[in-house]
N, C-alpha and C. Protein backbone atom coordinates (compact mmCIF):
# COMPACT_ATOMS: atom_id res chain seq x y z
N UNK A 1 85.22 81.79 95.98
CA UNK A 1 85.64 82.34 96.27
C UNK A 1 86.36 83.32 94.59
N UNK A 2 85.92 84.55 94.75
CA UNK A 2 86.09 84.88 93.26
C UNK A 2 87.61 85.24 92.92
N UNK A 3 87.66 85.25 92.08
CA UNK A 3 89.07 86.11 91.29
C UNK A 3 90.13 86.90 91.91
N UNK A 4 88.88 88.43 91.73
CA UNK A 4 89.15 89.33 92.64
C UNK A 4 89.39 89.36 93.88
N UNK A 5 88.87 88.60 94.46
CA UNK A 5 88.41 88.30 96.30
C UNK A 5 90.17 87.92 96.21
N UNK A 6 90.72 86.68 95.49
CA UNK A 6 91.55 86.17 95.60
C UNK A 6 92.86 86.71 95.37
N UNK A 7 92.94 87.67 94.46
CA UNK A 7 93.82 88.32 93.83
C UNK A 7 93.63 89.58 95.15
N UNK A 8 93.47 89.69 95.76
CA UNK A 8 93.27 90.81 96.91
C UNK A 8 93.56 90.32 98.23
N UNK A 9 93.23 89.62 98.40
CA UNK A 9 94.34 88.39 99.54
C UNK A 9 95.49 88.38 99.03
N UNK A 10 96.08 88.25 98.09
CA UNK A 10 97.47 87.97 97.06
C UNK A 10 98.29 88.96 97.39
N UNK A 11 97.56 89.78 97.27
CA UNK A 11 98.37 91.44 97.39
C UNK A 11 98.77 91.97 98.86
N UNK A 12 97.65 92.12 99.52
CA UNK A 12 97.74 92.04 100.96
C UNK A 12 98.37 91.10 101.28
N UNK A 13 98.92 89.66 101.01
CA UNK A 13 99.62 88.80 101.35
C UNK A 13 100.97 89.34 101.39
N UNK A 14 101.45 89.33 100.27
CA UNK A 14 102.34 89.88 99.81
C UNK A 14 102.93 91.44 99.99
N UNK A 15 101.83 91.95 100.59
CA UNK A 15 102.66 93.21 100.97
C UNK A 15 102.61 93.22 102.40
N UNK A 16 102.01 92.43 103.30
CA UNK A 16 102.44 92.01 104.28
C UNK A 16 103.39 91.18 104.58
N UNK A 17 104.39 90.24 103.68
CA UNK A 17 105.41 89.88 103.58
C UNK A 17 106.24 90.70 103.23
N UNK A 18 106.82 91.84 102.31
CA UNK A 18 107.35 92.94 101.98
C UNK A 18 107.45 93.95 103.10
N UNK A 19 106.83 94.02 103.64
CA UNK A 19 107.05 94.88 104.72
C UNK A 19 107.42 94.42 105.94
N UNK A 20 107.05 92.99 106.35
CA UNK A 20 107.69 92.40 107.61
C UNK A 20 109.44 92.34 107.19
N UNK A 21 109.56 91.95 106.06
CA UNK A 21 110.78 91.64 105.60
C UNK A 21 112.15 92.82 105.60
N UNK A 22 111.43 93.95 105.32
CA UNK A 22 111.99 95.58 104.94
C UNK A 22 112.07 96.31 106.19
N UNK A 23 110.97 96.40 106.86
CA UNK A 23 110.45 96.91 108.10
C UNK A 23 112.12 96.68 109.23
N UNK A 24 113.07 97.66 109.20
CA UNK A 24 113.98 97.37 110.64
C UNK A 24 113.97 98.31 111.38
N UNK A 25 112.90 99.51 111.63
CA UNK A 25 112.86 100.19 112.68
C UNK A 25 111.58 100.46 113.26
N UNK A 26 111.22 100.75 114.42
CA UNK A 26 109.65 100.76 114.59
C UNK A 26 108.96 101.36 114.16
N UNK A 27 107.67 101.06 113.89
CA UNK A 27 106.68 102.45 113.15
C UNK A 27 106.69 103.76 113.37
N UNK A 28 106.61 104.44 112.79
CA UNK A 28 106.30 105.95 113.31
C UNK A 28 105.33 106.48 114.15
N UNK A 29 105.54 107.48 115.29
CA UNK A 29 104.77 107.28 116.21
C UNK A 29 104.01 108.81 115.98
N UNK A 30 102.89 108.60 115.45
CA UNK A 30 101.99 109.39 114.71
C UNK A 30 100.42 109.16 115.89
N UNK A 31 99.85 110.71 115.75
CA UNK A 31 98.15 110.78 116.62
C UNK A 31 97.94 109.49 115.36
N UNK A 32 96.67 109.19 115.99
CA UNK A 32 95.97 108.01 114.97
C UNK A 32 94.97 109.13 114.53
N UNK A 33 94.79 110.50 114.33
CA UNK A 33 93.81 110.89 113.82
C UNK A 33 94.71 111.92 112.64
N UNK A 34 93.43 111.68 111.35
CA UNK A 34 94.37 112.42 110.16
C UNK A 34 94.03 113.74 109.67
N UNK A 35 95.02 114.73 109.86
CA UNK A 35 95.37 115.93 109.61
C UNK A 35 94.96 116.57 108.47
N UNK A 36 93.47 117.07 108.30
CA UNK A 36 93.77 117.71 106.82
C UNK A 36 93.91 119.35 106.68
N UNK A 37 94.39 119.92 107.63
CA UNK A 37 94.89 121.15 107.22
C UNK A 37 93.82 121.72 108.08
N UNK A 38 92.79 121.62 107.81
CA UNK A 38 91.33 122.74 107.91
C UNK A 38 90.86 122.79 106.58
N UNK A 39 91.37 122.57 105.58
CA UNK A 39 90.83 122.86 104.42
C UNK A 39 90.30 121.63 104.13
N UNK A 40 89.47 121.57 102.35
CA UNK A 40 89.60 120.11 101.57
C UNK A 40 90.79 119.74 100.92
N UNK A 41 91.22 118.64 101.73
CA UNK A 41 92.51 118.05 101.20
C UNK A 41 92.57 117.18 99.77
N UNK A 42 90.94 117.14 99.38
CA UNK A 42 90.99 116.70 97.91
C UNK A 42 91.30 117.38 96.79
N UNK A 43 91.33 119.09 97.54
CA UNK A 43 91.52 120.15 96.40
C UNK A 43 92.58 121.25 96.40
N UNK A 44 93.29 121.31 95.35
CA UNK A 44 94.74 122.45 95.30
C UNK A 44 96.20 121.97 94.75
N UNK A 45 95.81 120.19 95.34
CA UNK A 45 97.30 119.87 95.17
C UNK A 45 97.52 119.08 93.37
N UNK A 46 96.44 118.52 93.09
CA UNK A 46 96.59 118.22 91.34
C UNK A 46 96.74 119.48 91.18
N UNK A 47 96.52 120.68 91.16
CA UNK A 47 96.30 122.03 89.84
C UNK A 47 97.28 122.36 89.37
N UNK A 48 98.52 121.67 90.09
CA UNK A 48 100.29 122.24 89.80
C UNK A 48 100.37 121.79 88.50
N UNK A 49 100.14 121.93 87.28
CA UNK A 49 100.54 121.26 86.09
C UNK A 49 102.04 120.82 85.93
N UNK A 50 103.00 121.38 87.02
CA UNK A 50 104.50 120.79 86.58
C UNK A 50 104.71 119.98 88.15
N UNK A 51 103.61 119.81 89.08
CA UNK A 51 104.24 118.86 89.98
C UNK A 51 104.71 117.54 89.84
N UNK A 52 104.71 117.13 88.53
CA UNK A 52 104.97 115.72 87.58
C UNK A 52 105.91 115.75 86.42
N UNK A 53 106.25 117.02 86.39
CA UNK A 53 107.01 116.91 85.23
C UNK A 53 108.63 116.08 85.17
N UNK A 54 108.59 115.94 86.30
CA UNK A 54 110.38 114.96 86.29
C UNK A 54 109.96 113.42 85.81
N UNK A 55 108.34 113.35 85.78
CA UNK A 55 108.06 111.56 86.25
C UNK A 55 107.49 111.81 84.69
N UNK A 56 107.43 110.43 84.34
CA UNK A 56 107.20 109.69 82.84
C UNK A 56 106.09 110.41 82.21
N UNK A 57 105.84 110.01 81.03
CA UNK A 57 105.27 110.68 80.54
C UNK A 57 103.48 110.98 81.15
N UNK A 58 102.64 112.07 80.29
CA UNK A 58 100.83 112.05 81.04
C UNK A 58 100.69 111.07 81.18
N UNK A 59 100.42 110.08 81.48
CA UNK A 59 99.61 109.08 81.44
C UNK A 59 99.37 107.93 82.96
N UNK A 60 100.04 109.10 84.02
CA UNK A 60 99.81 108.52 85.21
C UNK A 60 100.44 106.93 85.70
N UNK A 61 101.53 106.87 84.96
CA UNK A 61 102.74 105.87 85.13
C UNK A 61 104.13 106.32 85.62
N UNK A 62 104.80 105.95 86.61
CA UNK A 62 106.04 106.08 86.39
C UNK A 62 106.58 104.97 85.84
N UNK A 63 108.41 104.75 86.07
CA UNK A 63 109.01 103.86 84.98
C UNK A 63 108.93 102.56 85.21
N UNK A 64 108.09 102.26 86.33
CA UNK A 64 108.20 101.10 86.82
C UNK A 64 106.87 100.23 86.40
N UNK A 65 105.64 101.33 85.56
CA UNK A 65 104.82 100.92 85.93
C UNK A 65 103.62 101.14 87.03
N UNK A 66 104.19 101.56 87.61
CA UNK A 66 102.83 101.98 88.49
C UNK A 66 102.68 103.53 88.78
N UNK A 67 101.61 103.64 89.51
CA UNK A 67 100.69 105.03 89.22
C UNK A 67 100.86 105.95 89.85
N UNK A 68 100.85 107.18 89.98
CA UNK A 68 101.34 108.33 90.41
C UNK A 68 100.45 109.02 91.39
N UNK A 69 100.67 109.41 92.35
CA UNK A 69 100.03 110.51 93.59
C UNK A 69 100.54 111.63 94.17
N UNK A 70 99.72 112.18 94.78
CA UNK A 70 100.39 113.15 95.51
C UNK A 70 99.65 113.35 96.73
N UNK A 71 100.10 113.45 98.24
CA UNK A 71 99.56 113.86 99.60
C UNK A 71 98.83 114.69 99.51
N UNK A 72 97.72 114.60 99.89
CA UNK A 72 96.93 116.40 99.71
C UNK A 72 96.85 116.40 101.48
N UNK A 73 97.33 115.81 102.88
CA UNK A 73 96.91 116.22 104.01
C UNK A 73 98.33 116.62 104.24
N UNK A 74 97.94 117.42 105.55
CA UNK A 74 99.03 117.60 106.26
C UNK A 74 100.16 116.52 106.79
N UNK A 75 99.53 115.69 107.51
CA UNK A 75 100.25 114.24 107.40
C UNK A 75 99.32 112.91 107.02
N UNK A 76 99.83 111.83 106.65
CA UNK A 76 99.03 111.40 106.69
C UNK A 76 99.66 109.74 106.87
N UNK A 77 98.93 109.33 107.66
CA UNK A 77 99.48 107.78 108.64
C UNK A 77 99.66 106.85 107.31
N UNK A 78 100.18 106.31 106.91
CA UNK A 78 100.46 104.86 105.93
C UNK A 78 100.30 103.68 106.87
N UNK A 79 99.40 102.84 106.70
CA UNK A 79 99.32 101.68 107.89
C UNK A 79 99.38 100.45 106.80
N UNK A 80 99.81 99.16 107.72
CA UNK A 80 100.49 97.90 107.36
C UNK A 80 98.72 97.02 106.54
N UNK A 81 97.38 98.18 106.86
CA UNK A 81 96.27 97.38 106.16
C UNK A 81 95.12 98.58 105.69
N UNK A 82 94.43 97.51 104.81
CA UNK A 82 93.78 99.16 104.25
C UNK A 82 92.58 99.63 105.32
N UNK A 83 92.64 100.21 106.70
CA UNK A 83 91.96 100.44 107.90
C UNK A 83 92.90 101.33 108.71
N UNK A 84 92.02 101.84 109.69
CA UNK A 84 92.54 103.09 110.56
C UNK A 84 93.45 102.29 111.82
N UNK A 85 92.54 101.10 112.37
CA UNK A 85 93.15 100.65 113.01
C UNK A 85 94.61 99.48 112.91
N UNK A 86 94.74 99.21 112.11
CA UNK A 86 96.04 98.54 111.68
C UNK A 86 97.63 99.90 111.71
N UNK A 87 98.56 98.88 112.20
CA UNK A 87 99.53 99.75 112.32
C UNK A 87 100.50 100.54 111.17
N UNK A 88 101.16 101.77 112.02
CA UNK A 88 101.30 102.52 111.34
C UNK A 88 102.96 102.32 111.08
N UNK A 89 103.32 102.58 109.64
CA UNK A 89 104.28 101.93 108.94
C UNK A 89 105.39 103.54 108.84
N UNK A 90 104.25 104.52 108.47
CA UNK A 90 105.17 105.69 108.32
C UNK A 90 104.13 106.95 107.95
N UNK A 91 104.73 107.90 107.79
CA UNK A 91 104.18 109.30 107.74
C UNK A 91 104.30 110.03 106.81
N UNK A 92 103.63 110.41 105.87
CA UNK A 92 103.22 110.74 104.66
C UNK A 92 102.81 112.52 104.51
N UNK A 93 103.87 113.06 104.26
CA UNK A 93 103.47 114.48 104.09
C UNK A 93 103.14 115.39 103.11
N UNK A 94 102.04 116.83 103.36
CA UNK A 94 101.66 117.13 102.40
C UNK A 94 102.25 117.55 101.20
N UNK A 95 102.28 117.06 100.08
CA UNK A 95 103.12 117.56 98.88
C UNK A 95 103.91 115.81 98.15
N UNK A 96 103.78 115.24 98.81
CA UNK A 96 104.45 114.14 98.74
C UNK A 96 104.33 113.45 97.63
N UNK A 97 105.37 112.87 96.71
CA UNK A 97 104.53 112.50 95.62
C UNK A 97 104.84 110.76 96.07
N UNK A 98 104.12 110.07 95.62
CA UNK A 98 104.07 108.73 95.89
C UNK A 98 103.59 107.50 94.45
N UNK A 99 104.38 106.42 94.98
CA UNK A 99 103.89 105.61 93.61
C UNK A 99 102.62 104.59 94.05
N UNK A 100 101.99 104.34 93.39
CA UNK A 100 100.85 103.50 93.64
C UNK A 100 100.71 102.12 93.46
N UNK A 101 100.83 101.22 93.68
CA UNK A 101 101.22 99.37 93.01
C UNK A 101 99.43 99.36 92.64
N UNK A 102 98.44 99.35 93.61
CA UNK A 102 97.01 98.87 93.30
C UNK A 102 96.23 99.80 94.03
N UNK A 103 94.85 99.36 93.99
CA UNK A 103 93.55 100.14 94.95
C UNK A 103 92.65 99.22 95.51
N UNK A 104 92.14 99.00 96.53
CA UNK A 104 91.31 98.40 97.15
C UNK A 104 90.39 98.76 98.05
N UNK A 105 89.15 97.54 98.25
CA UNK A 105 88.09 98.74 98.94
C UNK A 105 88.26 98.74 100.43
N UNK A 106 88.28 99.34 101.28
CA UNK A 106 89.02 99.20 102.65
C UNK A 106 87.78 100.09 103.65
N UNK A 107 88.51 100.08 104.96
CA UNK A 107 87.86 101.02 105.72
C UNK A 107 87.17 102.47 105.09
N UNK A 108 86.35 102.76 105.26
CA UNK A 108 85.75 104.29 104.84
C UNK A 108 86.32 105.73 105.65
N UNK A 109 86.93 106.57 104.67
CA UNK A 109 87.89 107.53 105.38
C UNK A 109 86.81 108.75 105.01
N UNK A 110 86.01 109.36 105.70
CA UNK A 110 85.21 110.12 105.55
C UNK A 110 84.41 110.16 103.81
N UNK A 111 83.65 108.91 104.15
CA UNK A 111 83.07 108.43 103.21
C UNK A 111 83.91 108.20 101.64
N UNK A 112 85.00 107.69 101.60
CA UNK A 112 85.85 107.24 100.56
C UNK A 112 86.19 105.82 101.25
N UNK A 113 85.97 104.84 100.21
CA UNK A 113 86.39 103.46 101.09
C UNK A 113 87.77 103.19 100.07
N UNK A 114 88.14 104.05 99.16
CA UNK A 114 89.33 103.05 98.48
C UNK A 114 90.33 103.36 99.32
N UNK A 115 91.25 102.84 99.30
CA UNK A 115 92.64 102.68 99.56
C UNK A 115 93.93 102.45 98.45
N UNK A 116 95.07 103.08 98.39
CA UNK A 116 96.36 102.33 97.52
C UNK A 116 97.21 101.70 98.51
N UNK A 117 97.80 100.91 97.68
CA UNK A 117 98.94 100.25 98.24
C UNK A 117 100.11 100.90 98.17
N UNK A 118 100.84 101.40 98.37
CA UNK A 118 102.01 102.09 98.39
C UNK A 118 103.39 101.72 98.14
N UNK A 119 104.36 101.88 97.51
CA UNK A 119 105.49 101.12 97.10
C UNK A 119 107.00 102.45 97.10
N UNK A 120 107.07 103.09 98.25
CA UNK A 120 107.77 103.99 98.64
C UNK A 120 108.56 103.64 99.53
N UNK A 121 109.74 102.78 98.81
CA UNK A 121 110.52 102.14 99.96
C UNK A 121 110.11 101.06 101.01
N UNK A 122 108.80 101.13 101.65
CA UNK A 122 107.95 99.84 102.14
C UNK A 122 106.60 100.08 101.31
N UNK A 123 106.13 98.69 101.91
CA UNK A 123 104.83 98.67 101.53
C UNK A 123 103.76 99.16 102.35
N UNK A 124 103.15 100.01 102.24
CA UNK A 124 101.98 100.79 103.60
C UNK A 124 100.90 101.15 102.32
N UNK A 125 99.94 101.04 103.45
CA UNK A 125 98.33 101.60 102.71
C UNK A 125 98.05 103.21 102.97
N UNK A 126 97.34 103.51 102.13
CA UNK A 126 97.09 105.05 102.17
C UNK A 126 95.42 105.31 101.94
N UNK A 127 94.89 106.06 102.36
CA UNK A 127 93.28 106.26 102.48
C UNK A 127 93.99 107.45 100.60
N UNK A 128 92.85 106.55 100.08
CA UNK A 128 92.46 107.39 98.71
C UNK A 128 92.10 108.91 99.21
N UNK A 129 91.02 109.06 100.25
CA UNK A 129 90.37 110.22 100.45
C UNK A 129 91.66 111.69 100.32
N UNK A 130 92.88 111.15 100.80
CA UNK A 130 94.04 111.68 100.81
C UNK A 130 95.50 111.46 99.91
N UNK A 131 95.04 111.74 98.59
CA UNK A 131 95.71 111.16 98.34
C UNK A 131 95.26 111.51 96.33
N UNK A 132 95.74 112.55 95.89
CA UNK A 132 95.28 112.71 94.57
C UNK A 132 96.05 112.28 93.47
N UNK A 133 95.61 111.50 92.46
CA UNK A 133 96.19 110.73 91.30
C UNK A 133 96.10 111.67 90.46
N UNK A 134 97.15 111.35 89.31
CA UNK A 134 97.38 112.17 87.93
C UNK A 134 97.25 111.39 86.85
N UNK A 135 96.49 111.06 85.99
CA UNK A 135 96.18 110.49 84.77
C UNK A 135 95.84 109.62 84.86
N UNK A 136 96.16 108.16 84.70
CA UNK A 136 95.30 107.50 84.99
C UNK A 136 94.88 106.70 86.05
N UNK A 137 93.54 106.18 86.42
CA UNK A 137 93.75 105.92 87.92
C UNK A 137 94.35 104.68 87.82
N UNK A 138 94.64 104.17 89.43
CA UNK A 138 95.29 102.82 89.74
C UNK A 138 94.51 102.03 89.72
N UNK A 139 94.82 100.71 89.39
CA UNK A 139 94.23 99.62 88.71
C UNK A 139 93.61 98.51 90.13
N UNK A 140 92.84 97.81 90.51
CA UNK A 140 92.29 97.35 91.37
C UNK A 140 93.78 95.95 91.68
N UNK A 141 93.77 95.75 92.79
CA UNK A 141 94.59 94.74 93.29
C UNK A 141 94.03 93.20 93.23
């Protein structure tokens, strides 16, 4: 097994453990479809240079060294694993700023196989197809 594969499994196991211990309520109820608002969800959000003005410098990191992103879908289902069949942890909305711990390859969403592990109160996976990043791209898990 490669080091990268081992680290990916470790990150997923750690996220699952953190998720189990941090979730006190049932999962958010939401339709299993991704709502892109009818337009191209990859456009528009990162065009606003002031949207991250209150975050750390423009290097793409927040104060804890996590990477920054913004949700581009009207509603983005954040999940327990990097695939569309896993449990929904919560729903993020368009314009919501998120902290990204790392990225991994998962189920393809409209041709994009990259998923981000988010660390906003709970550990949950979101498809990179619907999260624009600012500055430095997130590291691999």
